[in-house]
Amino acid sequence: MPYSSDYIEGTQVYMDGVCHWFCFEDRPDEQCVVSFYLSNGEFFITPIPSDDDYFEFDETSWINLALLNRSIALFSYHEDTTFHISILGEFGMKESWTKLLTVGSLPCVKQPLGVGSKGEIFF
């Protein structure tokens, strides 16, 4: 099971008995979200799409996981000050990431502060 050796704020979420974390690997095509069911020890690995430029990460970008309207949301940011938000549809399925929203350009914002209980995103 892939693990995240570093605790980085915003890379882990918990929902309905399942822990989710972003797994940072050296190669972009190995980055994934791991979903672990606490009740039975089962886990799923959901690859992050590598064919889309907004999923490429380097020192000028960051990634964040959050709960958004009872779904696992992936936030990404790049030096061009554009935010991309995608929702995970089904654990273990790379094709189940759905682009929800692209917000930008917001040069005065470095990252979202949080997500509200009614789906609000705070910058």
PDB file of N, CA and C in Angstrom:
ATOM      1  N   MET A   1       0.856  -1.165   0.000  1.00  0.00           N
ATOM      2  CA  MET A   1       0.000   0.000   0.000  1.00  0.00           C
ATOM      3  C   MET A   1       0.905   1.231   0.000  1.00  0.00           C
ATOM      4  N   PRO A   2       0.732   2.135  -0.964  1.00  0.00           N
ATOM      5  CA  PRO A   2       1.540   3.363  -0.979  1.00  0.00           C
ATOM      6  C   PRO A   2       1.259   4.202   0.255  1.00  0.00           C
ATOM      7  N   TYR A   3       2.277   4.828   0.745  1.00  0.00           N
ATOM      8  CA  TYR A   3       2.129   5.649   1.937  1.00  0.00           C
ATOM      9  C   TYR A   3       2.663   7.050   1.671  1.00  0.00           C
ATOM     10  N   SER A   4       2.324   7.940   2.573  1.00  0.00           N
ATOM     11  CA  SER A   4       2.838   9.298   2.518  1.00  0.00           C
ATOM     12  C   SER A   4       3.752   9.459   3.718  1.00  0.00           C
ATOM     13  N   SER A   5       5.058   9.558   3.479  1.00  0.00           N
ATOM     14  CA  SER A   5       6.005   9.611   4.587  1.00  0.00           C
ATOM     15  C   SER A   5       6.048  10.987   5.241  1.00  0.00           C
ATOM     16  N   ASP A   6       5.591  12.001   4.549  1.00  0.00           N
ATOM     17  CA  ASP A   6       5.593  13.353   5.098  1.00  0.00           C
ATOM     18  C   ASP A   6       4.163  13.790   5.377  1.00  0.00           C
ATOM     19  N   TYR A   7       3.972  14.424   6.523  1.00  0.00           N
ATOM     20  CA  TYR A   7       2.667  15.010   6.782  1.00  0.00           C
ATOM     21  C   TYR A   7       2.682  16.419   6.229  1.00  0.00           C
ATOM     22  N   ILE A   8       1.885  16.642   5.222  1.00  0.00           N
ATOM     23  CA  ILE A   8       1.734  17.968   4.632  1.00  0.00           C
ATOM     24  C   ILE A   8       0.270  18.336   4.766  1.00  0.00           C
ATOM     25  N   GLU A   9       0.002  19.457   5.410  1.00  0.00           N
ATOM     26  CA  GLU A   9      -1.374  19.874   5.642  1.00  0.00           C
ATOM     27  C   GLU A   9      -2.166  19.908   4.344  1.00  0.00           C
ATOM     28  N   GLY A  10      -3.361  19.326   4.377  1.00  0.00           N
ATOM     29  CA  GLY A  10      -4.242  19.354   3.222  1.00  0.00           C
ATOM     30  C   GLY A  10      -4.063  18.189   2.272  1.00  0.00           C
ATOM     31  N   THR A  11      -3.245  17.202   2.642  1.00  0.00           N
ATOM     32  CA  THR A  11      -3.058  16.056   1.742  1.00  0.00           C
ATOM     33  C   THR A  11      -3.744  14.802   2.263  1.00  0.00           C
ATOM     34  N   GLN A  12      -4.509  14.929   3.347  1.00  0.00           N
ATOM     35  CA  GLN A  12      -5.262  13.802   3.890  1.00  0.00           C
ATOM     36  C   GLN A  12      -6.673  14.266   4.245  1.00  0.00           C
ATOM     37  N   VAL A  13      -7.658  13.386   4.006  1.00  0.00           N
ATOM     38  CA  VAL A  13      -9.030  13.664   4.429  1.00  0.00           C
ATOM     39  C   VAL A  13      -9.652  12.361   4.921  1.00  0.00           C
ATOM     40  N   TYR A  14     -10.715  12.486   5.710  1.00  0.00           N
ATOM     41  CA  TYR A  14     -11.438  11.338   6.247  1.00  0.00           C
ATOM     42  C   TYR A  14     -12.919  11.547   5.976  1.00  0.00           C
ATOM     43  N   MET A  15     -13.589  10.484   5.487  1.00  0.00           N
ATOM     44  CA  MET A  15     -15.026  10.562   5.252  1.00  0.00           C
ATOM     45  C   MET A  15     -15.632   9.163   5.332  1.00  0.00           C
ATOM     46  N   ASP A  16     -16.666   9.015   6.140  1.00  0.00           N
ATOM     47  CA  ASP A  16     -17.454   7.785   6.215  1.00  0.00           C
ATOM     48  C   ASP A  16     -16.618   6.528   6.436  1.00  0.00           C
ATOM     49  N   GLY A  17     -15.685   6.586   7.361  1.00  0.00           N
ATOM     50  CA  GLY A  17     -14.892   5.409   7.699  1.00  0.00           C
ATOM     51  C   GLY A  17     -13.762   5.104   6.733  1.00  0.00           C
ATOM     52  N   VAL A  18     -13.467   6.037   5.837  1.00  0.00           N
ATOM     53  CA  VAL A  18     -12.392   5.838   4.862  1.00  0.00           C
ATOM     54  C   VAL A  18     -11.395   6.986   4.988  1.00  0.00           C
ATOM     55  N   CYS A  19     -10.118   6.637   5.133  1.00  0.00           N
ATOM     56  CA  CYS A  19      -9.038   7.621   5.146  1.00  0.00           C
ATOM     57  C   CYS A  19      -8.491   7.739   3.730  1.00  0.00           C
ATOM     58  N   HIS A  20      -8.254   8.946   3.289  1.00  0.00           N
ATOM     59  CA  HIS A  20      -7.716   9.209   1.950  1.00  0.00           C
ATOM     60  C   HIS A  20      -6.467  10.063   2.110  1.00  0.00           C
ATOM     61  N   TRP A  21      -5.433   9.757   1.356  1.00  0.00           N
ATOM     62  CA  TRP A  21      -4.233  10.592   1.364  1.00  0.00           C
ATOM     63  C   TRP A  21      -3.605  10.621  -0.010  1.00  0.00           C
ATOM     64  N   PHE A  22      -2.931  11.731  -0.270  1.00  0.00           N
ATOM     65  CA  PHE A  22      -2.218  11.908  -1.530  1.00  0.00           C
ATOM     66  C   PHE A  22      -0.835  11.306  -1.358  1.00  0.00           C
ATOM     67  N   CYS A  23      -0.442  10.458  -2.291  1.00  0.00           N
ATOM     68  CA  CYS A  23       0.851   9.802  -2.252  1.00  0.00           C
ATOM     69  C   CYS A  23       1.777  10.496  -3.240  1.00  0.00           C
ATOM     70  N   PHE A  24       2.840  11.102  -2.712  1.00  0.00           N
ATOM     71  CA  PHE A  24       3.817  11.800  -3.539  1.00  0.00           C
ATOM     72  C   PHE A  24       4.883  10.805  -3.988  1.00  0.00           C
ATOM     73  N   GLU A  25       5.074  10.682  -5.256  1.00  0.00           N
ATOM     74  CA  GLU A  25       6.125   9.830  -5.800  1.00  0.00           C
ATOM     75  C   GLU A  25       7.053  10.687  -6.649  1.00  0.00           C
ATOM     76  N   ASP A  26       8.184  10.127  -7.015  1.00  0.00           N
ATOM     77  CA  ASP A  26       9.160  10.867  -7.807  1.00  0.00           C
ATOM     78  C   ASP A  26       8.697  11.114  -9.237  1.00  0.00           C
ATOM     79  N   ARG A  27       7.906  10.206  -9.763  1.00  0.00           N
ATOM     80  CA  ARG A  27       7.451  10.348 -11.145  1.00  0.00           C
ATOM     81  C   ARG A  27       5.985  10.763 -11.150  1.00  0.00           C
ATOM     82  N   PRO A  28       5.608  11.761 -11.996  1.00  0.00           N
ATOM     83  CA  PRO A  28       4.213  12.228 -12.026  1.00  0.00           C
ATOM     84  C   PRO A  28       3.211  11.123 -12.329  1.00  0.00           C
ATOM     85  N   ASP A  29       3.596  10.117 -13.122  1.00  0.00           N
ATOM     86  CA  ASP A  29       2.638   9.060 -13.461  1.00  0.00           C
ATOM     87  C   ASP A  29       2.425   8.077 -12.308  1.00  0.00           C
ATOM     88  N   GLU A  30       3.135   8.249 -11.196  1.00  0.00           N
ATOM     89  CA  GLU A  30       2.955   7.387 -10.028  1.00  0.00           C
ATOM     90  C   GLU A  30       2.223   8.094  -8.891  1.00  0.00           C
ATOM     91  N   GLN A  31       1.848   9.353  -9.062  1.00  0.00           N
ATOM     92  CA  GLN A  31       1.132  10.063  -8.014  1.00  0.00           C
ATOM     93  C   GLN A  31      -0.294   9.527  -7.947  1.00  0.00           C
ATOM     94  N   CYS A  32      -0.801   9.377  -6.724  1.00  0.00           N
ATOM     95  CA  CYS A  32      -2.116   8.762  -6.570  1.00  0.00           C
ATOM     96  C   CYS A  32      -2.767   9.219  -5.272  1.00  0.00           C
ATOM     97  N   VAL A  33      -4.042   8.888  -5.149  1.00  0.00           N
ATOM     98  CA  VAL A  33      -4.767   9.025  -3.897  1.00  0.00           C
ATOM     99  C   VAL A  33      -5.039   7.612  -3.400  1.00  0.00           C
ATOM    100  N   VAL A  34      -4.669   7.354  -2.150  1.00  0.00           N
ATOM    101  CA  VAL A  34      -4.913   6.059  -1.532  1.00  0.00           C
ATOM    102  C   VAL A  34      -6.132   6.196  -0.638  1.00  0.00           C
ATOM    103  N   SER A  35      -7.069   5.264  -0.757  1.00  0.00           N
ATOM    104  CA  SER A  35      -8.278   5.246   0.066  1.00  0.00           C
ATOM    105  C   SER A  35      -8.269   3.963   0.884  1.00  0.00           C
ATOM    106  N   PHE A  36      -8.308   4.084   2.210  1.00  0.00           N
ATOM    107  CA  PHE A  36      -8.192   2.945   3.115  1.00  0.00           C
ATOM    108  C   PHE A  36      -9.433   2.841   3.995  1.00  0.00           C
ATOM    109  N   TYR A  37     -10.143   1.705   3.888  1.00  0.00           N
ATOM    110  CA  TYR A  37     -11.332   1.453   4.703  1.00  0.00           C
ATOM    111  C   TYR A  37     -10.891   0.956   6.073  1.00  0.00           C
ATOM    112  N   LEU A  38     -11.233   1.704   7.110  1.00  0.00           N
ATOM    113  CA  LEU A  38     -10.865   1.312   8.462  1.00  0.00           C
ATOM    114  C   LEU A  38     -11.607   0.059   8.918  1.00  0.00           C
ATOM    115  N   SER A  39     -12.810  -0.186   8.423  1.00  0.00           N
ATOM    116  CA  SER A  39     -13.634  -1.302   8.896  1.00  0.00           C
ATOM    117  C   SER A  39     -13.108  -2.666   8.466  1.00  0.00           C
ATOM    118  N   ASN A  40     -12.518  -2.761   7.276  1.00  0.00           N
ATOM    119  CA  ASN A  40     -12.089  -4.077   6.792  1.00  0.00           C
ATOM    120  C   ASN A  40     -10.650  -4.118   6.280  1.00  0.00           C
ATOM    121  N   GLY A  41      -9.938  -3.002   6.344  1.00  0.00           N
ATOM    122  CA  GLY A  41      -8.539  -2.973   5.926  1.00  0.00           C
ATOM    123  C   GLY A  41      -8.332  -2.955   4.418  1.00  0.00           C
ATOM    124  N   GLU A  42      -9.409  -2.854   3.662  1.00  0.00           N
ATOM    125  CA  GLU A  42      -9.303  -2.821   2.195  1.00  0.00           C
ATOM    126  C   GLU A  42      -8.834  -1.432   1.758  1.00  0.00           C
ATOM    127  N   PHE A  43      -8.030  -1.386   0.695  1.00  0.00           N
ATOM    128  CA  PHE A  43      -7.589  -0.096   0.182  1.00  0.00           C
ATOM    129  C   PHE A  43      -7.670  -0.069  -1.338  1.00  0.00           C
ATOM    130  N   PHE A  44      -7.802   1.143  -1.860  1.00  0.00           N
ATOM    131  CA  PHE A  44      -7.846   1.386  -3.297  1.00  0.00           C
ATOM    132  C   PHE A  44      -6.823   2.450  -3.637  1.00  0.00           C
ATOM    133  N   ILE A  45      -6.188   2.294  -4.772  1.00  0.00           N
ATOM    134  CA  ILE A  45      -5.239   3.275  -5.275  1.00  0.00           C
ATOM    135  C   ILE A  45      -5.860   3.912  -6.507  1.00  0.00           C
ATOM    136  N   THR A  46      -6.047   5.227  -6.458  1.00  0.00           N
ATOM    137  CA  THR A  46      -6.609   5.954  -7.589  1.00  0.00           C
ATOM    138  C   THR A  46      -5.522   6.842  -8.179  1.00  0.00           C
ATOM    139  N   PRO A  47      -5.019   6.499  -9.362  1.00  0.00           N
ATOM    140  CA  PRO A  47      -3.977   7.331  -9.978  1.00  0.00           C
ATOM    141  C   PRO A  47      -4.498   8.734 -10.295  1.00  0.00           C
ATOM    142  N   ILE A  48      -3.590   9.693 -10.209  1.00  0.00           N
ATOM    143  CA  ILE A  48      -3.876  11.061 -10.617  1.00  0.00           C
ATOM    144  C   ILE A  48      -3.603  11.128 -12.116  1.00  0.00           C
ATOM    145  N   PRO A  49      -4.536  11.630 -12.906  1.00  0.00           N
ATOM    146  CA  PRO A  49      -4.293  11.695 -14.358  1.00  0.00           C
ATOM    147  C   PRO A  49      -3.004  12.450 -14.665  1.00  0.00           C
ATOM    148  N   SER A  50      -2.153  11.867 -15.500  1.00  0.00           N
ATOM    149  CA  SER A  50      -0.884  12.510 -15.847  1.00  0.00           C
ATOM    150  C   SER A  50      -0.916  13.100 -17.248  1.00  0.00           C
ATOM    151  N   ASP A  51      -2.019  12.926 -17.948  1.00  0.00           N
ATOM    152  CA  ASP A  51      -2.106  13.419 -19.318  1.00  0.00           C
ATOM    153  C   ASP A  51      -2.619  14.851 -19.407  1.00  0.00           C
ATOM    154  N   ASP A  52      -2.884  15.473 -18.282  1.00  0.00           N
ATOM    155  CA  ASP A  52      -3.429  16.826 -18.253  1.00  0.00           C
ATOM    156  C   ASP A  52      -2.439  17.737 -17.559  1.00  0.00           C
ATOM    157  N   ASP A  53      -2.128  18.870 -18.135  1.00  0.00           N
ATOM    158  CA  ASP A  53      -1.078  19.728 -17.596  1.00  0.00           C
ATOM    159  C   ASP A  53      -1.361  20.242 -16.196  1.00  0.00           C
ATOM    160  N   TYR A  54      -2.625  20.308 -15.778  1.00  0.00           N
ATOM    161  CA  TYR A  54      -2.853  20.849 -14.448  1.00  0.00           C
ATOM    162  C   TYR A  54      -2.625  19.822 -13.347  1.00  0.00           C
ATOM    163  N   PHE A  55      -2.286  18.595 -13.701  1.00  0.00           N
ATOM    164  CA  PHE A  55      -1.908  17.596 -12.705  1.00  0.00           C
ATOM    165  C   PHE A  55      -0.400  17.418 -12.606  1.00  0.00           C
ATOM    166  N   GLU A  56       0.385  18.245 -13.290  1.00  0.00           N
ATOM    167  CA  GLU A  56       1.832  18.156 -13.198  1.00  0.00           C
ATOM    168  C   GLU A  56       2.307  19.040 -12.055  1.00  0.00           C
ATOM    169  N   PHE A  57       3.092  18.475 -11.156  1.00  0.00           N
ATOM    170  CA  PHE A  57       3.475  19.191  -9.954  1.00  0.00           C
ATOM    171  C   PHE A  57       4.977  19.389  -9.894  1.00  0.00           C
ATOM    172  N   ASP A  58       5.377  20.569  -9.449  1.00  0.00           N
ATOM    173  CA  ASP A  58       6.772  20.898  -9.247  1.00  0.00           C
ATOM    174  C   ASP A  58       6.850  21.917  -8.118  1.00  0.00           C
ATOM    175  N   GLU A  59       8.003  22.576  -7.960  1.00  0.00           N
ATOM    176  CA  GLU A  59       8.177  23.508  -6.844  1.00  0.00           C
ATOM    177  C   GLU A  59       7.322  24.772  -6.963  1.00  0.00           C
ATOM    178  N   THR A  60       6.693  25.019  -8.108  1.00  0.00           N
ATOM    179  CA  THR A  60       5.854  26.213  -8.270  1.00  0.00           C
ATOM    180  C   THR A  60       4.364  25.888  -8.162  1.00  0.00           C
ATOM    181  N   SER A  61       4.043  24.696  -7.715  1.00  0.00           N
ATOM    182  CA  SER A  61       2.641  24.299  -7.623  1.00  0.00           C
ATOM    183  C   SER A  61       2.400  23.531  -6.326  1.00  0.00           C
ATOM    184  N   TRP A  62       1.142  23.313  -6.001  1.00  0.00           N
ATOM    185  CA  TRP A  62       0.791  22.492  -4.852  1.00  0.00           C
ATOM    186  C   TRP A  62      -0.516  21.772  -5.116  1.00  0.00           C
ATOM    187  N   ILE A  63      -0.791  20.792  -4.285  1.00  0.00           N
ATOM    188  CA  ILE A  63      -2.013  19.997  -4.399  1.00  0.00           C
ATOM    189  C   ILE A  63      -2.631  19.890  -3.012  1.00  0.00           C
ATOM    190  N   ASN A  64      -3.960  19.776  -2.980  1.00  0.00           N
ATOM    191  CA  ASN A  64      -4.683  19.709  -1.728  1.00  0.00           C
ATOM    192  C   ASN A  64      -5.870  18.778  -1.891  1.00  0.00           C
ATOM    193  N   LEU A  65      -6.178  18.002  -0.878  1.00  0.00           N
ATOM    194  CA  LEU A  65      -7.400  17.201  -0.850  1.00  0.00           C
ATOM    195  C   LEU A  65      -8.368  17.860   0.123  1.00  0.00           C
ATOM    196  N   ALA A  66      -9.653  17.793  -0.187  1.00  0.00           N
ATOM    197  CA  ALA A  66     -10.670  18.371   0.692  1.00  0.00           C
ATOM    198  C   ALA A  66     -11.975  17.611   0.484  1.00  0.00           C
ATOM    199  N   LEU A  67     -12.889  17.789   1.415  1.00  0.00           N
ATOM    200  CA  LEU A  67     -14.241  17.270   1.258  1.00  0.00           C
ATOM    201  C   LEU A  67     -15.093  18.394   0.708  1.00  0.00           C
ATOM    202  N   LEU A  68     -15.728  18.154  -0.413  1.00  0.00           N
ATOM    203  CA  LEU A  68     -16.555  19.163  -1.057  1.00  0.00           C
ATOM    204  C   LEU A  68     -17.876  18.511  -1.443  1.00  0.00           C
ATOM    205  N   ASN A  69     -18.954  18.923  -0.782  1.00  0.00           N
ATOM    206  CA  ASN A  69     -20.289  18.354  -1.050  1.00  0.00           C
ATOM    207  C   ASN A  69     -20.280  16.828  -0.983  1.00  0.00           C
ATOM    208  N   ARG A  70     -19.689  16.297   0.086  1.00  0.00           N
ATOM    209  CA  ARG A  70     -19.629  14.842   0.347  1.00  0.00           C
ATOM    210  C   ARG A  70     -18.848  14.072  -0.710  1.00  0.00           C
ATOM    211  N   SER A  71     -17.903  14.720  -1.352  1.00  0.00           N
ATOM    212  CA  SER A  71     -17.020  14.075  -2.322  1.00  0.00           C
ATOM    213  C   SER A  71     -15.576  14.434  -2.000  1.00  0.00           C
ATOM    214  N   ILE A  72     -14.666  13.583  -2.444  1.00  0.00           N
ATOM    215  CA  ILE A  72     -13.244  13.874  -2.322  1.00  0.00           C
ATOM    216  C   ILE A  72     -12.882  14.818  -3.460  1.00  0.00           C
ATOM    217  N   ALA A  73     -12.347  15.981  -3.110  1.00  0.00           N
ATOM    218  CA  ALA A  73     -11.986  16.977  -4.116  1.00  0.00           C
ATOM    219  C   ALA A  73     -10.470  17.136  -4.142  1.00  0.00           C
ATOM    220  N   LEU A  74      -9.953  17.304  -5.330  1.00  0.00           N
ATOM    221  CA  LEU A  74      -8.535  17.540  -5.549  1.00  0.00           C
ATOM    222  C   LEU A  74      -8.357  18.966  -6.044  1.00  0.00           C
ATOM    223  N   PHE A  75      -7.650  19.780  -5.270  1.00  0.00           N
ATOM    224  CA  PHE A  75      -7.357  21.155  -5.645  1.00  0.00           C
ATOM    225  C   PHE A  75      -5.914  21.201  -6.122  1.00  0.00           C
ATOM    226  N   SER A  76      -5.669  21.875  -7.225  1.00  0.00           N
ATOM    227  CA  SER A  76      -4.283  22.087  -7.646  1.00  0.00           C
ATOM    228  C   SER A  76      -4.107  23.543  -8.037  1.00  0.00           C
ATOM    229  N   TYR A  77      -2.880  24.001  -7.885  1.00  0.00           N
ATOM    230  CA  TYR A  77      -2.539  25.395  -8.128  1.00  0.00           C
ATOM    231  C   TYR A  77      -1.203  25.438  -8.846  1.00  0.00           C
ATOM    232  N   HIS A  78      -1.069  26.382  -9.768  1.00  0.00           N
ATOM    233  CA  HIS A  78       0.191  26.533 -10.483  1.00  0.00           C
ATOM    234  C   HIS A  78       0.626  27.977 -10.459  1.00  0.00           C
ATOM    235  N   GLU A  79       1.868  28.203 -10.803  1.00  0.00           N
ATOM    236  CA  GLU A  79       2.437  29.550 -10.740  1.00  0.00           C
ATOM    237  C   GLU A  79       1.680  30.557 -11.583  1.00  0.00           C
ATOM    238  N   ASP A  80       0.853  30.080 -12.503  1.00  0.00           N
ATOM    239  CA  ASP A  80       0.058  31.016 -13.299  1.00  0.00           C
ATOM    240  C   ASP A  80      -1.170  31.505 -12.539  1.00  0.00           C
ATOM    241  N   THR A  81      -1.269  31.173 -11.238  1.00  0.00           N
ATOM    242  CA  THR A  81      -2.330  31.591 -10.326  1.00  0.00           C
ATOM    243  C   THR A  81      -3.700  31.060 -10.723  1.00  0.00           C
ATOM    244  N   THR A  82      -3.736  29.919 -11.358  1.00  0.00           N
ATOM    245  CA  THR A  82      -4.990  29.277 -11.718  1.00  0.00           C
ATOM    246  C   THR A  82      -5.221  28.064 -10.819  1.00  0.00           C
ATOM    247  N   PHE A  83      -6.425  27.961 -10.277  1.00  0.00           N
ATOM    248  CA  PHE A  83      -6.809  26.836  -9.438  1.00  0.00           C
ATOM    249  C   PHE A  83      -7.669  25.884 -10.253  1.00  0.00           C
ATOM    250  N   HIS A  84      -7.430  24.592 -10.077  1.00  0.00           N
ATOM    251  CA  HIS A  84      -8.228  23.563 -10.734  1.00  0.00           C
ATOM    252  C   HIS A  84      -8.803  22.677  -9.643  1.00  0.00           C
ATOM    253  N   ILE A  85     -10.083  22.352  -9.769  1.00  0.00           N
ATOM    254  CA  ILE A  85     -10.756  21.528  -8.787  1.00  0.00           C
ATOM    255  C   ILE A  85     -11.415  20.367  -9.514  1.00  0.00           C
ATOM    256  N   SER A  86     -11.118  19.151  -9.048  1.00  0.00           N
ATOM    257  CA  SER A  86     -11.701  17.943  -9.616  1.00  0.00           C
ATOM    258  C   SER A  86     -12.289  17.105  -8.490  1.00  0.00           C
ATOM    259  N   ILE A  87     -13.275  16.289  -8.835  1.00  0.00           N
ATOM    260  CA  ILE A  87     -13.975  15.436  -7.884  1.00  0.00           C
ATOM    261  C   ILE A  87     -13.701  13.976  -8.234  1.00  0.00           C
ATOM    262  N   LEU A  88     -13.456  13.158  -7.206  1.00  0.00           N
ATOM    263  CA  LEU A  88     -13.246  11.721  -7.398  1.00  0.00           C
ATOM    264  C   LEU A  88     -14.588  11.013  -7.404  1.00  0.00           C
ATOM    265  N   GLY A  89     -14.874  10.307  -8.490  1.00  0.00           N
ATOM    266  CA  GLY A  89     -16.146   9.606  -8.611  1.00  0.00           C
ATOM    267  C   GLY A  89     -16.126   8.223  -7.987  1.00  0.00           C
ATOM    268  N   GLU A  90     -15.124   7.409  -8.327  1.00  0.00           N
ATOM    269  CA  GLU A  90     -15.061   6.026  -7.852  1.00  0.00           C
ATOM    270  C   GLU A  90     -13.626   5.689  -7.465  1.00  0.00           C
ATOM    271  N   PHE A  91     -13.455   5.129  -6.274  1.00  0.00           N
ATOM    272  CA  PHE A  91     -12.123   4.765  -5.810  1.00  0.00           C
ATOM    273  C   PHE A  91     -11.494   3.748  -6.760  1.00  0.00           C
ATOM    274  N   GLY A  92     -10.222   3.935  -7.039  1.00  0.00           N
ATOM    275  CA  GLY A  92      -9.480   2.987  -7.857  1.00  0.00           C
ATOM    276  C   GLY A  92      -9.582   3.205  -9.349  1.00  0.00           C
ATOM    277  N   MET A  93     -10.365   4.157  -9.793  1.00  0.00           N
ATOM    278  CA  MET A  93     -10.586   4.380 -11.224  1.00  0.00           C
ATOM    279  C   MET A  93      -9.986   5.724 -11.645  1.00  0.00           C
ATOM    280  N   LYS A  94      -8.881   5.686 -12.378  1.00  0.00           N
ATOM    281  CA  LYS A  94      -8.215   6.913 -12.834  1.00  0.00           C
ATOM    282  C   LYS A  94      -9.166   7.776 -13.659  1.00  0.00           C
ATOM    283  N   GLU A  95     -10.036   7.146 -14.431  1.00  0.00           N
ATOM    284  CA  GLU A  95     -10.954   7.869 -15.313  1.00  0.00           C
ATOM    285  C   GLU A  95     -12.104   8.518 -14.560  1.00  0.00           C
ATOM    286  N   SER A  96     -12.220   8.260 -13.257  1.00  0.00           N
ATOM    287  CA  SER A  96     -13.368   8.795 -12.521  1.00  0.00           C
ATOM    288  C   SER A  96     -13.144  10.209 -11.995  1.00  0.00           C
ATOM    289  N   TRP A  97     -11.962  10.802 -12.217  1.00  0.00           N
ATOM    290  CA  TRP A  97     -11.766  12.206 -11.849  1.00  0.00           C
ATOM    291  C   TRP A  97     -12.551  13.079 -12.810  1.00  0.00           C
ATOM    292  N   THR A  98     -13.365  13.965 -12.274  1.00  0.00           N
ATOM    293  CA  THR A  98     -14.173  14.871 -13.077  1.00  0.00           C
ATOM    294  C   THR A  98     -13.754  16.307 -12.786  1.00  0.00           C
ATOM    295  N   LYS A  99     -13.399  17.035 -13.835  1.00  0.00           N
ATOM    296  CA  LYS A  99     -13.066  18.445 -13.653  1.00  0.00           C
ATOM    297  C   LYS A  99     -14.337  19.183 -13.248  1.00  0.00           C
ATOM    298  N   LEU A 100     -14.269  19.830 -12.108  1.00  0.00           N
ATOM    299  CA  LEU A 100     -15.427  20.547 -11.603  1.00  0.00           C
ATOM    300  C   LEU A 100     -15.346  22.027 -11.930  1.00  0.00           C
ATOM    301  N   LEU A 101     -14.165  22.611 -11.742  1.00  0.00           N
ATOM    302  CA  LEU A 101     -14.067  24.052 -11.817  1.00  0.00           C
ATOM    303  C   LEU A 101     -12.615  24.466 -12.046  1.00  0.00           C
ATOM    304  N   THR A 102     -12.433  25.511 -12.836  1.00  0.00           N
ATOM    305  CA  THR A 102     -11.145  26.171 -12.977  1.00  0.00           C
ATOM    306  C   THR A 102     -11.361  27.632 -12.619  1.00  0.00           C
ATOM    307  N   VAL A 103     -10.567  28.130 -11.676  1.00  0.00           N
ATOM    308  CA  VAL A 103     -10.707  29.497 -11.194  1.00  0.00           C
ATOM    309  C   VAL A 103      -9.377  30.221 -11.407  1.00  0.00           C
ATOM    310  N   GLY A 104      -9.409  31.357 -12.011  1.00  0.00           N
ATOM    311  CA  GLY A 104      -8.175  32.132 -12.182  1.00  0.00           C
ATOM    312  C   GLY A 104      -8.410  33.212 -13.198  1.00  0.00           C
ATOM    313  N   SER A 105      -7.568  34.064 -13.272  1.00  0.00           N
ATOM    314  CA  SER A 105      -6.317  34.195 -12.552  1.00  0.00           C
ATOM    315  C   SER A 105      -6.547  34.990 -11.268  1.00  0.00           C
ATOM    316  N   LEU A 106      -5.962  34.493 -10.183  1.00  0.00           N
ATOM    317  CA  LEU A 106      -6.089  35.138  -8.884  1.00  0.00           C
ATOM    318  C   LEU A 106      -4.687  35.380  -8.321  1.00  0.00           C
ATOM    319  N   PRO A 107      -3.993  36.408  -8.798  1.00  0.00           N
ATOM    320  CA  PRO A 107      -2.607  36.608  -8.390  1.00  0.00           C
ATOM    321  C   PRO A 107      -2.417  36.910  -6.911  1.00  0.00           C
ATOM    322  N   CYS A 108      -3.448  37.370  -6.218  1.00  0.00           N
ATOM    323  CA  CYS A 108      -3.300  37.699  -4.804  1.00  0.00           C
ATOM    324  C   CYS A 108      -3.594  36.517  -3.886  1.00  0.00           C
ATOM    325  N   VAL A 109      -3.977  35.366  -4.433  1.00  0.00           N
ATOM    326  CA  VAL A 109      -4.333  34.197  -3.632  1.00  0.00           C
ATOM    327  C   VAL A 109      -3.282  33.112  -3.837  1.00  0.00           C
ATOM    328  N   LYS A 110      -2.783  32.562  -2.720  1.00  0.00           N
ATOM    329  CA  LYS A 110      -1.787  31.499  -2.813  1.00  0.00           C
ATOM    330  C   LYS A 110      -2.424  30.121  -2.722  1.00  0.00           C
ATOM    331  N   GLN A 111      -3.474  29.980  -1.900  1.00  0.00           N
ATOM    332  CA  GLN A 111      -4.166  28.700  -1.796  1.00  0.00           C
ATOM    333  C   GLN A 111      -5.503  28.898  -1.100  1.00  0.00           C
ATOM    334  N   PRO A 112      -6.448  27.956  -1.304  1.00  0.00           N
ATOM    335  CA  PRO A 112      -7.724  28.067  -0.599  1.00  0.00           C
ATOM    336  C   PRO A 112      -7.505  27.928   0.903  1.00  0.00           C
ATOM    337  N   LEU A 113      -8.295  28.648   1.686  1.00  0.00           N
ATOM    338  CA  LEU A 113      -8.211  28.536   3.136  1.00  0.00           C
ATOM    339  C   LEU A 113      -9.013  27.353   3.641  1.00  0.00           C
ATOM    340  N   GLY A 114     -10.086  27.009   2.935  1.00  0.00           N
ATOM    341  CA  GLY A 114     -10.898  25.897   3.378  1.00  0.00           C
ATOM    342  C   GLY A 114     -12.154  25.747   2.560  1.00  0.00           C
ATOM    343  N   VAL A 115     -12.910  24.711   2.922  1.00  0.00           N
ATOM    344  CA  VAL A 115     -14.167  24.396   2.246  1.00  0.00           C
ATOM    345  C   VAL A 115     -15.255  24.372   3.309  1.00  0.00           C
ATOM    346  N   GLY A 116     -16.378  25.053   3.023  1.00  0.00           N
ATOM    347  CA  GLY A 116     -17.474  25.125   3.970  1.00  0.00           C
ATOM    348  C   GLY A 116     -18.390  23.919   3.882  1.00  0.00           C
ATOM    349  N   SER A 117     -19.295  23.803   4.840  1.00  0.00           N
ATOM    350  CA  SER A 117     -20.203  22.654   4.909  1.00  0.00           C
ATOM    351  C   SER A 117     -21.258  22.657   3.808  1.00  0.00           C
ATOM    352  N   LYS A 118     -21.444  23.785   3.151  1.00  0.00           N
ATOM    353  CA  LYS A 118     -22.432  23.865   2.051  1.00  0.00           C
ATOM    354  C   LYS A 118     -21.764  24.018   0.700  1.00  0.00           C
ATOM    355  N   GLY A 119     -20.490  23.612   0.595  1.00  0.00           N
ATOM    356  CA  GLY A 119     -19.792  23.635  -0.672  1.00  0.00           C
ATOM    357  C   GLY A 119     -19.090  24.926  -1.004  1.00  0.00           C
ATOM    358  N   GLU A 120     -19.017  25.855  -0.039  1.00  0.00           N
ATOM    359  CA  GLU A 120     -18.318  27.113  -0.300  1.00  0.00           C
ATOM    360  C   GLU A 120     -16.813  26.863  -0.256  1.00  0.00           C
ATOM    361  N   ILE A 121     -16.072  27.584  -1.080  1.00  0.00           N
ATOM    362  CA  ILE A 121     -14.621  27.513  -1.059  1.00  0.00           C
ATOM    363  C   ILE A 121     -14.123  28.882  -0.628  1.00  0.00           C
ATOM    364  N   PHE A 122     -13.318  28.914   0.426  1.00  0.00           N
ATOM    365  CA  PHE A 122     -12.823  30.172   0.978  1.00  0.00           C
ATOM    366  C   PHE A 122     -11.398  30.412   0.513  1.00  0.00           C
ATOM    367  N   PHE A 123     -11.153  31.600  -0.064  1.00  0.00           N
ATOM    368  CA  PHE A 123      -9.813  31.990  -0.484  1.00  0.00           C
ATOM    369  C   PHE A 123      -9.292  33.068   0.440  1.00  0.00           C
TER     370      PHE A 123
END
